[in-house]
Amino acid sequence: MAAAEAALSPAAVLELHRAVELLLNREISNANRGCKLAQVQGQIKEVRRIMERKVEMILDPQEQPGSMEAKSRDLGRAAGAFRKNTI
């Protein structure tokens, strides 16, 4: 490459360096955008997994209303017993 640069004028070498620098900066910028995009996509997937778990947790008790009613009755009884014991 040194022989090729020796045949070029200093102005041509400077222009070539500028062009290469612009190309490298553009490619680095594109690569960084790709990394950022992958990070955001990963975050979106994680949020989606969390939201799916939350929805499942919300829907699960609704599928077993008898269980919720029994827990509610037990809690009411325990509260009544507590009230009687504290008075």
PDB file of N, CA and C in Angstrom:
ATOM      1  N   MET A   1       0.827  -1.184   0.000  1.00  0.00           N
ATOM      2  CA  MET A   1       0.000   0.000   0.000  1.00  0.00           C
ATOM      3  C   MET A   1       0.872   1.249   0.000  1.00  0.00           C
ATOM      4  N   ALA A   2       2.028   1.173   0.646  1.00  0.00           N
ATOM      5  CA  ALA A   2       2.918   2.335   0.703  1.00  0.00           C
ATOM      6  C   ALA A   2       3.344   2.753  -0.697  1.00  0.00           C
ATOM      7  N   ALA A   3       3.559   1.790  -1.582  1.00  0.00           N
ATOM      8  CA  ALA A   3       3.950   2.109  -2.952  1.00  0.00           C
ATOM      9  C   ALA A   3       2.804   2.811  -3.668  1.00  0.00           C
ATOM     10  N   ALA A   4       1.575   2.369  -3.407  1.00  0.00           N
ATOM     11  CA  ALA A   4       0.421   2.995  -4.046  1.00  0.00           C
ATOM     12  C   ALA A   4       0.242   4.416  -3.534  1.00  0.00           C
ATOM     13  N   GLU A   5       0.459   4.635  -2.226  1.00  0.00           N
ATOM     14  CA  GLU A   5       0.319   5.973  -1.672  1.00  0.00           C
ATOM     15  C   GLU A   5       1.423   6.895  -2.177  1.00  0.00           C
ATOM     16  N   ALA A   6       2.603   6.333  -2.418  1.00  0.00           N
ATOM     17  CA  ALA A   6       3.709   7.141  -2.923  1.00  0.00           C
ATOM     18  C   ALA A   6       3.382   7.677  -4.303  1.00  0.00           C
ATOM     19  N   ALA A   7       2.612   6.957  -5.089  1.00  0.00           N
ATOM     20  CA  ALA A   7       2.251   7.388  -6.427  1.00  0.00           C
ATOM     21  C   ALA A   7       1.157   8.450  -6.390  1.00  0.00           C
ATOM     22  N   LEU A   8       0.435   8.574  -5.262  1.00  0.00           N
ATOM     23  CA  LEU A   8      -0.633   9.556  -5.140  1.00  0.00           C
ATOM     24  C   LEU A   8      -0.085  10.865  -4.590  1.00  0.00           C
ATOM     25  N   SER A   9      -0.734  11.928  -4.954  1.00  0.00           N
ATOM     26  CA  SER A   9      -0.346  13.227  -4.407  1.00  0.00           C
ATOM     27  C   SER A   9      -0.819  13.326  -2.966  1.00  0.00           C
ATOM     28  N   PRO A  10      -0.241  14.192  -2.163  1.00  0.00           N
ATOM     29  CA  PRO A  10      -0.690  14.347  -0.777  1.00  0.00           C
ATOM     30  C   PRO A  10      -2.174  14.709  -0.689  1.00  0.00           C
ATOM     31  N   ALA A  11      -2.653  15.499  -1.592  1.00  0.00           N
ATOM     32  CA  ALA A  11      -4.068  15.876  -1.588  1.00  0.00           C
ATOM     33  C   ALA A  11      -4.948  14.654  -1.866  1.00  0.00           C
ATOM     34  N   ALA A  12      -4.517  13.794  -2.772  1.00  0.00           N
ATOM     35  CA  ALA A  12      -5.289  12.590  -3.098  1.00  0.00           C
ATOM     36  C   ALA A  12      -5.293  11.627  -1.921  1.00  0.00           C
ATOM     37  N   VAL A  13      -4.165  11.517  -1.231  1.00  0.00           N
ATOM     38  CA  VAL A  13      -4.078  10.642  -0.055  1.00  0.00           C
ATOM     39  C   VAL A  13      -5.002  11.169   1.043  1.00  0.00           C
ATOM     40  N   LEU A  14      -4.999  12.471   1.248  1.00  0.00           N
ATOM     41  CA  LEU A  14      -5.867  13.076   2.247  1.00  0.00           C
ATOM     42  C   LEU A  14      -7.336  12.834   1.909  1.00  0.00           C
ATOM     43  N   GLU A  15      -7.684  12.988   0.661  1.00  0.00           N
ATOM     44  CA  GLU A  15      -9.068  12.749   0.217  1.00  0.00           C
ATOM     45  C   GLU A  15      -9.447  11.280   0.421  1.00  0.00           C
ATOM     46  N   LEU A  16      -8.533  10.386   0.116  1.00  0.00           N
ATOM     47  CA  LEU A  16      -8.782   8.949   0.308  1.00  0.00           C
ATOM     48  C   LEU A  16      -8.987   8.637   1.791  1.00  0.00           C
ATOM     49  N   HIS A  17      -8.168   9.205   2.643  1.00  0.00           N
ATOM     50  CA  HIS A  17      -8.302   8.986   4.090  1.00  0.00           C
ATOM     51  C   HIS A  17      -9.644   9.510   4.602  1.00  0.00           C
ATOM     52  N   ARG A  18     -10.063  10.674   4.112  1.00  0.00           N
ATOM     53  CA  ARG A  18     -11.349  11.231   4.522  1.00  0.00           C
ATOM     54  C   ARG A  18     -12.505  10.327   4.093  1.00  0.00           C
ATOM     55  N   ALA A  19     -12.418   9.832   2.865  1.00  0.00           N
ATOM     56  CA  ALA A  19     -13.475   8.957   2.356  1.00  0.00           C
ATOM     57  C   ALA A  19     -13.551   7.665   3.172  1.00  0.00           C
ATOM     58  N   VAL A  20     -12.403   7.089   3.476  1.00  0.00           N
ATOM     59  CA  VAL A  20     -12.366   5.856   4.272  1.00  0.00           C
ATOM     60  C   VAL A  20     -12.898   6.136   5.679  1.00  0.00           C
ATOM     61  N   GLU A  21     -12.518   7.285   6.249  1.00  0.00           N
ATOM     62  CA  GLU A  21     -12.990   7.647   7.587  1.00  0.00           C
ATOM     63  C   GLU A  21     -14.514   7.777   7.604  1.00  0.00           C
ATOM     64  N   LEU A  22     -15.088   8.413   6.603  1.00  0.00           N
ATOM     65  CA  LEU A  22     -16.541   8.553   6.520  1.00  0.00           C
ATOM     66  C   LEU A  22     -17.219   7.187   6.432  1.00  0.00           C
ATOM     67  N   LEU A  23     -16.653   6.315   5.595  1.00  0.00           N
ATOM     68  CA  LEU A  23     -17.228   4.974   5.446  1.00  0.00           C
ATOM     69  C   LEU A  23     -17.146   4.189   6.753  1.00  0.00           C
ATOM     70  N   LEU A  24     -16.017   4.253   7.420  1.00  0.00           N
ATOM     71  CA  LEU A  24     -15.856   3.539   8.682  1.00  0.00           C
ATOM     72  C   LEU A  24     -16.800   4.080   9.753  1.00  0.00           C
ATOM     73  N   ASN A  25     -16.923   5.396   9.833  1.00  0.00           N
ATOM     74  CA  ASN A  25     -17.842   5.992  10.808  1.00  0.00           C
ATOM     75  C   ASN A  25     -19.275   5.563  10.546  1.00  0.00           C
ATOM     76  N   ARG A  26     -19.665   5.534   9.272  1.00  0.00           N
ATOM     77  CA  ARG A  26     -21.019   5.104   8.931  1.00  0.00           C
ATOM     78  C   ARG A  26     -21.245   3.644   9.311  1.00  0.00           C
ATOM     79  N   GLU A  27     -20.280   2.791   9.035  1.00  0.00           N
ATOM     80  CA  GLU A  27     -20.417   1.376   9.356  1.00  0.00           C
ATOM     81  C   GLU A  27     -20.449   1.147  10.868  1.00  0.00           C
ATOM     82  N   ILE A  28     -19.639   1.890  11.598  1.00  0.00           N
ATOM     83  CA  ILE A  28     -19.652   1.779  13.059  1.00  0.00           C
ATOM     84  C   ILE A  28     -20.996   2.235  13.608  1.00  0.00           C
ATOM     85  N   SER A  29     -21.511   3.321  13.053  1.00  0.00           N
ATOM     86  CA  SER A  29     -22.819   3.824  13.483  1.00  0.00           C
ATOM     87  C   SER A  29     -23.914   2.793  13.205  1.00  0.00           C
ATOM     88  N   ASN A  30     -23.877   2.183  12.032  1.00  0.00           N
ATOM     89  CA  ASN A  30     -24.867   1.146  11.693  1.00  0.00           C
ATOM     90  C   ASN A  30     -24.747  -0.054  12.634  1.00  0.00           C
ATOM     91  N   ALA A  31     -23.529  -0.434  12.959  1.00  0.00           N
ATOM     92  CA  ALA A  31     -23.328  -1.565  13.869  1.00  0.00           C
ATOM     93  C   ALA A  31     -23.862  -1.235  15.257  1.00  0.00           C
ATOM     94  N   ASN A  32     -23.629  -0.011  15.715  1.00  0.00           N
ATOM     95  CA  ASN A  32     -24.134   0.401  17.030  1.00  0.00           C
ATOM     96  C   ASN A  32     -25.651   0.417  17.052  1.00  0.00           C
ATOM     97  N   ARG A  33     -26.278   0.869  15.962  1.00  0.00           N
ATOM     98  CA  ARG A  33     -27.736   0.857  15.897  1.00  0.00           C
ATOM     99  C   ARG A  33     -28.255  -0.562  15.983  1.00  0.00           C
ATOM    100  N   GLY A  34     -27.548  -1.491  15.354  1.00  0.00           N
ATOM    101  CA  GLY A  34     -27.949  -2.898  15.410  1.00  0.00           C
ATOM    102  C   GLY A  34     -27.891  -3.429  16.824  1.00  0.00           C
ATOM    103  N   CYS A  35     -26.845  -3.056  17.568  1.00  0.00           N
ATOM    104  CA  CYS A  35     -26.716  -3.483  18.966  1.00  0.00           C
ATOM    105  C   CYS A  35     -27.835  -2.894  19.815  1.00  0.00           C
ATOM    106  N   LYS A  36     -28.116  -1.617  19.608  1.00  0.00           N
ATOM    107  CA  LYS A  36     -29.178  -0.954  20.368  1.00  0.00           C
ATOM    108  C   LYS A  36     -30.521  -1.579  20.035  1.00  0.00           C
ATOM    109  N   LEU A  37     -30.728  -1.871  18.775  1.00  0.00           N
ATOM    110  CA  LEU A  37     -31.982  -2.501  18.360  1.00  0.00           C
ATOM    111  C   LEU A  37     -32.138  -3.868  19.017  1.00  0.00           C
ATOM    112  N   ALA A  38     -31.061  -4.631  19.058  1.00  0.00           N
ATOM    113  CA  ALA A  38     -31.112  -5.948  19.705  1.00  0.00           C
ATOM    114  C   ALA A  38     -31.402  -5.802  21.198  1.00  0.00           C
ATOM    115  N   GLN A  39     -30.834  -4.779  21.844  1.00  0.00           N
ATOM    116  CA  GLN A  39     -31.094  -4.551  23.259  1.00  0.00           C
ATOM    117  C   GLN A  39     -32.560  -4.212  23.496  1.00  0.00           C
ATOM    118  N   VAL A  40     -33.102  -3.341  22.666  1.00  0.00           N
ATOM    119  CA  VAL A  40     -34.509  -2.953  22.813  1.00  0.00           C
ATOM    120  C   VAL A  40     -35.415  -4.149  22.553  1.00  0.00           C
ATOM    121  N   GLN A  41     -35.093  -4.945  21.549  1.00  0.00           N
ATOM    122  CA  GLN A  41     -35.903  -6.130  21.269  1.00  0.00           C
ATOM    123  C   GLN A  41     -35.861  -7.100  22.445  1.00  0.00           C
ATOM    124  N   GLY A  42     -34.705  -7.252  23.062  1.00  0.00           N
ATOM    125  CA  GLY A  42     -34.593  -8.112  24.240  1.00  0.00           C
ATOM    126  C   GLY A  42     -35.428  -7.583  25.398  1.00  0.00           C
ATOM    127  N   GLN A  43     -35.410  -6.272  25.587  1.00  0.00           N
ATOM    128  CA  GLN A  43     -36.217  -5.669  26.643  1.00  0.00           C
ATOM    129  C   GLN A  43     -37.707  -5.857  26.371  1.00  0.00           C
ATOM    130  N   ILE A  44     -38.101  -5.729  25.127  1.00  0.00           N
ATOM    131  CA  ILE A  44     -39.509  -5.932  24.759  1.00  0.00           C
ATOM    132  C   ILE A  44     -39.927  -7.366  25.055  1.00  0.00           C
ATOM    133  N   LYS A  45     -39.076  -8.324  24.714  1.00  0.00           N
ATOM    134  CA  LYS A  45     -39.395  -9.727  24.989  1.00  0.00           C
ATOM    135  C   LYS A  45     -39.539  -9.975  26.487  1.00  0.00           C
ATOM    136  N   GLU A  46     -38.655  -9.388  27.278  1.00  0.00           N
ATOM    137  CA  GLU A  46     -38.714  -9.575  28.729  1.00  0.00           C
ATOM    138  C   GLU A  46     -39.987  -8.956  29.306  1.00  0.00           C
ATOM    139  N   VAL A  47     -40.338  -7.759  28.856  1.00  0.00           N
ATOM    140  CA  VAL A  47     -41.571  -7.126  29.330  1.00  0.00           C
ATOM    141  C   VAL A  47     -42.778  -7.964  28.930  1.00  0.00           C
ATOM    142  N   ARG A  48     -42.747  -8.503  27.741  1.00  0.00           N
ATOM    143  CA  ARG A  48     -43.862  -9.340  27.288  1.00  0.00           C
ATOM    144  C   ARG A  48     -44.005 -10.586  28.170  1.00  0.00           C
ATOM    145  N   ARG A  49     -42.876 -11.221  28.507  1.00  0.00           N
ATOM    146  CA  ARG A  49     -42.925 -12.399  29.385  1.00  0.00           C
ATOM    147  C   ARG A  49     -43.502 -12.029  30.751  1.00  0.00           C
ATOM    148  N   ILE A  50     -43.071 -10.894  31.275  1.00  0.00           N
ATOM    149  CA  ILE A  50     -43.584 -10.452  32.577  1.00  0.00           C
ATOM    150  C   ILE A  50     -45.079 -10.202  32.498  1.00  0.00           C
ATOM    151  N   MET A  51     -45.520  -9.508  31.453  1.00  0.00           N
ATOM    152  CA  MET A  51     -46.944  -9.205  31.308  1.00  0.00           C
ATOM    153  C   MET A  51     -47.770 -10.488  31.138  1.00  0.00           C
ATOM    154  N   GLU A  52     -47.242 -11.448  30.394  1.00  0.00           N
ATOM    155  CA  GLU A  52     -47.965 -12.717  30.226  1.00  0.00           C
ATOM    156  C   GLU A  52     -48.121 -13.425  31.569  1.00  0.00           C
ATOM    157  N   ARG A  53     -47.057 -13.409  32.391  1.00  0.00           N
ATOM    158  CA  ARG A  53     -47.158 -14.031  33.716  1.00  0.00           C
ATOM    159  C   ARG A  53     -48.186 -13.313  34.583  1.00  0.00           C
ATOM    160  N   LYS A  54     -48.199 -11.985  34.513  1.00  0.00           N
ATOM    161  CA  LYS A  54     -49.154 -11.211  35.313  1.00  0.00           C
ATOM    162  C   LYS A  54     -50.590 -11.523  34.877  1.00  0.00           C
ATOM    163  N   VAL A  55     -50.817 -11.594  33.582  1.00  0.00           N
ATOM    164  CA  VAL A  55     -52.163 -11.905  33.082  1.00  0.00           C
ATOM    165  C   VAL A  55     -52.564 -13.308  33.524  1.00  0.00           C
ATOM    166  N   GLU A  56     -51.634 -14.254  33.462  1.00  0.00           N
ATOM    167  CA  GLU A  56     -51.933 -15.615  33.922  1.00  0.00           C
ATOM    168  C   GLU A  56     -52.284 -15.622  35.405  1.00  0.00           C
ATOM    169  N   MET A  57     -51.562 -14.810  36.196  1.00  0.00           N
ATOM    170  CA  MET A  57     -51.847 -14.744  37.628  1.00  0.00           C
ATOM    171  C   MET A  57     -53.231 -14.148  37.875  1.00  0.00           C
ATOM    172  N   ILE A  58     -53.617 -13.182  37.061  1.00  0.00           N
ATOM    173  CA  ILE A  58     -54.930 -12.562  37.211  1.00  0.00           C
ATOM    174  C   ILE A  58     -56.029 -13.532  36.790  1.00  0.00           C
ATOM    175  N   LEU A  59     -55.801 -14.243  35.698  1.00  0.00           N
ATOM    176  CA  LEU A  59     -56.824 -15.149  35.175  1.00  0.00           C
ATOM    177  C   LEU A  59     -56.944 -16.424  35.991  1.00  0.00           C
ATOM    178  N   ASP A  60     -55.869 -16.885  36.597  1.00  0.00           N
ATOM    179  CA  ASP A  60     -55.877 -18.147  37.323  1.00  0.00           C
ATOM    180  C   ASP A  60     -56.916 -18.177  38.441  1.00  0.00           C
ATOM    181  N   PRO A  61     -56.976 -17.183  39.321  1.00  0.00           N
ATOM    182  CA  PRO A  61     -57.997 -17.227  40.375  1.00  0.00           C
ATOM    183  C   PRO A  61     -59.424 -17.164  39.813  1.00  0.00           C
ATOM    184  N   GLN A  62     -59.614 -16.529  38.693  1.00  0.00           N
ATOM    185  CA  GLN A  62     -60.946 -16.436  38.105  1.00  0.00           C
ATOM    186  C   GLN A  62     -61.424 -17.801  37.621  1.00  0.00           C
ATOM    187  N   GLU A  63     -60.499 -18.669  37.319  1.00  0.00           N
ATOM    188  CA  GLU A  63     -60.874 -20.007  36.866  1.00  0.00           C
ATOM    189  C   GLU A  63     -61.356 -20.869  38.026  1.00  0.00           C
ATOM    190  N   GLN A  64     -61.049 -20.479  39.253  1.00  0.00           N
ATOM    191  CA  GLN A  64     -61.415 -21.254  40.429  1.00  0.00           C
ATOM    192  C   GLN A  64     -62.205 -20.383  41.411  1.00  0.00           C
ATOM    193  N   PRO A  65     -63.409 -19.953  41.043  1.00  0.00           N
ATOM    194  CA  PRO A  65     -64.161 -19.062  41.922  1.00  0.00           C
ATOM    195  C   PRO A  65     -64.543 -19.724  43.240  1.00  0.00           C
ATOM    196  N   GLY A  66     -64.769 -21.026  43.257  1.00  0.00           N
ATOM    197  CA  GLY A  66     -65.103 -21.725  44.496  1.00  0.00           C
ATOM    198  C   GLY A  66     -63.989 -21.620  45.508  1.00  0.00           C
ATOM    199  N   SER A  67     -62.780 -21.688  45.052  1.00  0.00           N
ATOM    200  CA  SER A  67     -61.623 -21.576  45.925  1.00  0.00           C
ATOM    201  C   SER A  67     -61.562 -20.193  46.563  1.00  0.00           C
ATOM    202  N   MET A  68     -61.833 -19.163  45.779  1.00  0.00           N
ATOM    203  CA  MET A  68     -61.821 -17.801  46.303  1.00  0.00           C
ATOM    204  C   MET A  68     -62.935 -17.603  47.331  1.00  0.00           C
ATOM    205  N   GLU A  69     -64.096 -18.171  47.061  1.00  0.00           N
ATOM    206  CA  GLU A  69     -65.211 -18.040  48.001  1.00  0.00           C
ATOM    207  C   GLU A  69     -64.882 -18.731  49.322  1.00  0.00           C
ATOM    208  N   ALA A  70     -64.266 -19.894  49.244  1.00  0.00           N
ATOM    209  CA  ALA A  70     -63.893 -20.620  50.459  1.00  0.00           C
ATOM    210  C   ALA A  70     -62.856 -19.828  51.255  1.00  0.00           C
ATOM    211  N   LYS A  71     -61.888 -19.257  50.584  1.00  0.00           N
ATOM    212  CA  LYS A  71     -60.871 -18.454  51.269  1.00  0.00           C
ATOM    213  C   LYS A  71     -61.512 -17.233  51.919  1.00  0.00           C
ATOM    214  N   SER A  72     -62.470 -16.637  51.223  1.00  0.00           N
ATOM    215  CA  SER A  72     -63.154 -15.468  51.766  1.00  0.00           C
ATOM    216  C   SER A  72     -63.935 -15.827  53.029  1.00  0.00           C
ATOM    217  N   ARG A  73     -64.636 -16.961  52.993  1.00  0.00           N
ATOM    218  CA  ARG A  73     -65.379 -17.410  54.181  1.00  0.00           C
ATOM    219  C   ARG A  73     -64.433 -17.681  55.340  1.00  0.00           C
ATOM    220  N   ASP A  74     -63.332 -18.364  55.069  1.00  0.00           N
ATOM    221  CA  ASP A  74     -62.356 -18.664  56.120  1.00  0.00           C
ATOM    222  C   ASP A  74     -61.781 -17.380  56.719  1.00  0.00           C
ATOM    223  N   LEU A  75     -61.503 -16.417  55.877  1.00  0.00           N
ATOM    224  CA  LEU A  75     -60.973 -15.147  56.348  1.00  0.00           C
ATOM    225  C   LEU A  75     -62.004 -14.423  57.212  1.00  0.00           C
ATOM    226  N   GLY A  76     -63.263 -14.450  56.803  1.00  0.00           N
ATOM    227  CA  GLY A  76     -64.335 -13.841  57.591  1.00  0.00           C
ATOM    228  C   GLY A  76     -64.463 -14.495  58.958  1.00  0.00           C
ATOM    229  N   ARG A  77     -64.402 -15.801  59.009  1.00  0.00           N
ATOM    230  CA  ARG A  77     -64.473 -16.526  60.285  1.00  0.00           C
ATOM    231  C   ARG A  77     -63.293 -16.163  61.183  1.00  0.00           C
ATOM    232  N   ALA A  78     -62.101 -16.117  60.592  1.00  0.00           N
ATOM    233  CA  ALA A  78     -60.906 -15.786  61.362  1.00  0.00           C
ATOM    234  C   ALA A  78     -61.007 -14.357  61.902  1.00  0.00           C
ATOM    235  N   ALA A  79     -61.547 -13.445  61.117  1.00  0.00           N
ATOM    236  CA  ALA A  79     -61.703 -12.062  61.565  1.00  0.00           C
ATOM    237  C   ALA A  79     -62.707 -11.988  62.705  1.00  0.00           C
ATOM    238  N   GLY A  80     -63.803 -12.745  62.587  1.00  0.00           N
ATOM    239  CA  GLY A  80     -64.802 -12.769  63.659  1.00  0.00           C
ATOM    240  C   GLY A  80     -64.221 -13.322  64.944  1.00  0.00           C
ATOM    241  N   ALA A  81     -63.460 -14.398  64.841  1.00  0.00           N
ATOM    242  CA  ALA A  81     -62.835 -14.997  66.030  1.00  0.00           C
ATOM    243  C   ALA A  81     -61.837 -14.027  66.649  1.00  0.00           C
ATOM    244  N   PHE A  82     -61.083 -13.331  65.815  1.00  0.00           N
ATOM    245  CA  PHE A  82     -60.126 -12.361  66.320  1.00  0.00           C
ATOM    246  C   PHE A  82     -60.847 -11.238  67.060  1.00  0.00           C
ATOM    247  N   ARG A  83     -61.953 -10.773  66.477  1.00  0.00           N
ATOM    248  CA  ARG A  83     -62.725  -9.696  67.089  1.00  0.00           C
ATOM    249  C   ARG A  83     -63.252 -10.120  68.449  1.00  0.00           C
ATOM    250  N   LYS A  84     -63.760 -11.359  68.545  1.00  0.00           N
ATOM    251  CA  LYS A  84     -64.312 -11.851  69.820  1.00  0.00           C
ATOM    252  C   LYS A  84     -63.209 -11.977  70.871  1.00  0.00           C
ATOM    253  N   ASN A  85     -62.030 -12.406  70.456  1.00  0.00           N
ATOM    254  CA  ASN A  85     -60.930 -12.609  71.399  1.00  0.00           C
ATOM    255  C   ASN A  85     -60.291 -11.302  71.856  1.00  0.00           C
ATOM    256  N   THR A  86     -60.426 -10.245  71.081  1.00  0.00           N
ATOM    257  CA  THR A  86     -59.784  -8.989  71.450  1.00  0.00           C
ATOM    258  C   THR A  86     -60.709  -8.072  72.241  1.00  0.00           C
ATOM    259  N   ILE A  87     -61.979  -8.383  72.291  1.00  0.00           N
ATOM    260  CA  ILE A  87     -62.927  -7.503  73.009  1.00  0.00           C
ATOM    261  C   ILE A  87     -63.057  -7.941  74.440  1.00  0.00           C
TER     262      ILE A  87
END
